[in-house]
Amino acid sequence: MERLKITSSLSCAHRCLKKERCRSFNFKLLSKSQGVCELSSKAAGYFDDSLSEEAGWLYGQIARIEERFLSESDVAGMY
């Protein structure tokens, strides 16, 4: 989906959250102040054979809760 240079895994996760189609991200720190962030429209399943491990990479998955499924008390508790 998208690959960019960014400073932290938290910034990478935030970028993913801001994109509606983003479901997961990979992040690898390259130096003290810069890393690479890969955003993906796909999320891994529990038994996904296509996944591979590589030292230094962090994988994150986004769980989205749609507002239409929240009750008024759930929404009130968020603020």
Protein backbone atom coordinates (compact mmCIF):
# COMPACT_ATOMS: atom_id res chain seq x y z
CA MET A 1 0.00 0.00 0.00
CA GLU A 2 2.62 2.55 1.07
CA ARG A 3 6.23 2.69 2.32
CA LEU A 4 7.65 5.79 4.03
CA LYS A 5 10.44 7.01 6.26
CA ILE A 6 9.27 7.87 9.76
CA THR A 7 10.73 8.30 13.27
CA SER A 8 8.93 5.69 15.41
CA SER A 9 6.60 2.69 15.46
CA LEU A 10 3.99 4.87 17.18
CA SER A 11 4.10 7.35 14.29
CA CYS A 12 3.78 4.45 11.87
CA ALA A 13 0.71 3.12 13.72
CA HIS A 14 -0.78 6.63 13.74
CA ARG A 15 -0.31 6.94 9.97
CA CYS A 16 -2.10 3.62 9.53
CA LEU A 17 -4.99 4.74 11.72
CA LYS A 18 -5.42 7.88 9.62
CA LYS A 19 -5.85 5.84 6.40
CA GLU A 20 -9.24 4.17 6.13
CA ARG A 21 -8.01 1.15 4.15
CA CYS A 22 -4.93 0.48 6.31
CA ARG A 23 -5.23 -2.76 8.33
CA SER A 24 -1.64 -3.42 9.42
CA PHE A 25 1.87 -1.99 9.42
CA ASN A 26 5.52 -3.05 9.61
CA PHE A 27 8.18 -0.85 11.17
CA LYS A 28 11.95 -1.13 11.35
CA LEU A 29 14.25 1.37 13.04
CA LEU A 30 17.22 2.15 10.78
CA SER A 31 19.00 4.66 13.02
CA LYS A 32 18.32 6.57 16.26
CA SER A 33 16.10 9.06 14.46
CA GLN A 34 14.75 7.30 11.38
CA GLY A 35 12.95 4.13 10.42
CA VAL A 36 10.91 2.63 7.63
CA CYS A 37 7.14 2.22 7.87
CA GLU A 38 5.16 -0.08 5.58
CA LEU A 39 1.38 0.34 5.56
CA SER A 40 -0.82 -2.49 4.30
CA SER A 41 -4.47 -2.95 3.44
CA LYS A 42 -4.21 -6.59 4.58
CA ALA A 43 -3.98 -8.06 8.06
CA ALA A 44 -2.40 -11.39 8.91
CA GLY A 45 -4.55 -14.30 10.03
CA TYR A 46 -3.65 -16.55 12.94
CA PHE A 47 -2.25 -19.25 10.66
CA ASP A 48 -0.99 -17.17 7.76
CA ASP A 49 1.74 -19.10 5.93
CA SER A 50 2.73 -16.05 3.89
CA LEU A 51 4.20 -14.28 6.94
CA SER A 52 7.94 -14.28 7.43
CA GLU A 53 10.02 -13.17 10.38
CA GLU A 54 12.95 -10.84 9.95
CA ALA A 55 15.05 -9.45 12.80
CA GLY A 56 14.32 -5.85 13.74
CA TRP A 57 10.83 -5.60 12.22
CA LEU A 58 7.73 -4.86 14.28
CA TYR A 59 4.29 -5.92 12.99
CA GLY A 60 1.14 -4.14 14.14
CA GLN A 61 -2.50 -4.75 13.31
CA ILE A 62 -5.27 -2.15 13.48
CA ALA A 63 -8.61 -3.03 15.06
CA ARG A 64 -11.30 -0.60 13.98
CA ILE A 65 -14.55 -0.17 15.91
CA GLU A 66 -17.27 1.33 13.79
CA GLU A 67 -19.29 4.05 15.48
CA ARG A 68 -22.60 2.52 14.40
CA PHE A 69 -21.93 -0.45 16.70
CA LEU A 70 -21.31 1.67 19.79
CA SER A 71 -24.09 2.48 22.22
CA GLU A 72 -24.59 6.02 23.55
CA SER A 73 -23.06 5.01 26.90
CA ASP A 74 -19.94 3.64 25.14
CA VAL A 75 -19.48 6.93 23.25
CA ALA A 76 -20.07 9.02 26.42
CA GLY A 77 -17.41 7.00 28.25
CA MET A 78 -14.80 7.89 25.61
CA TYR A 79 -14.85 11.60 26.48
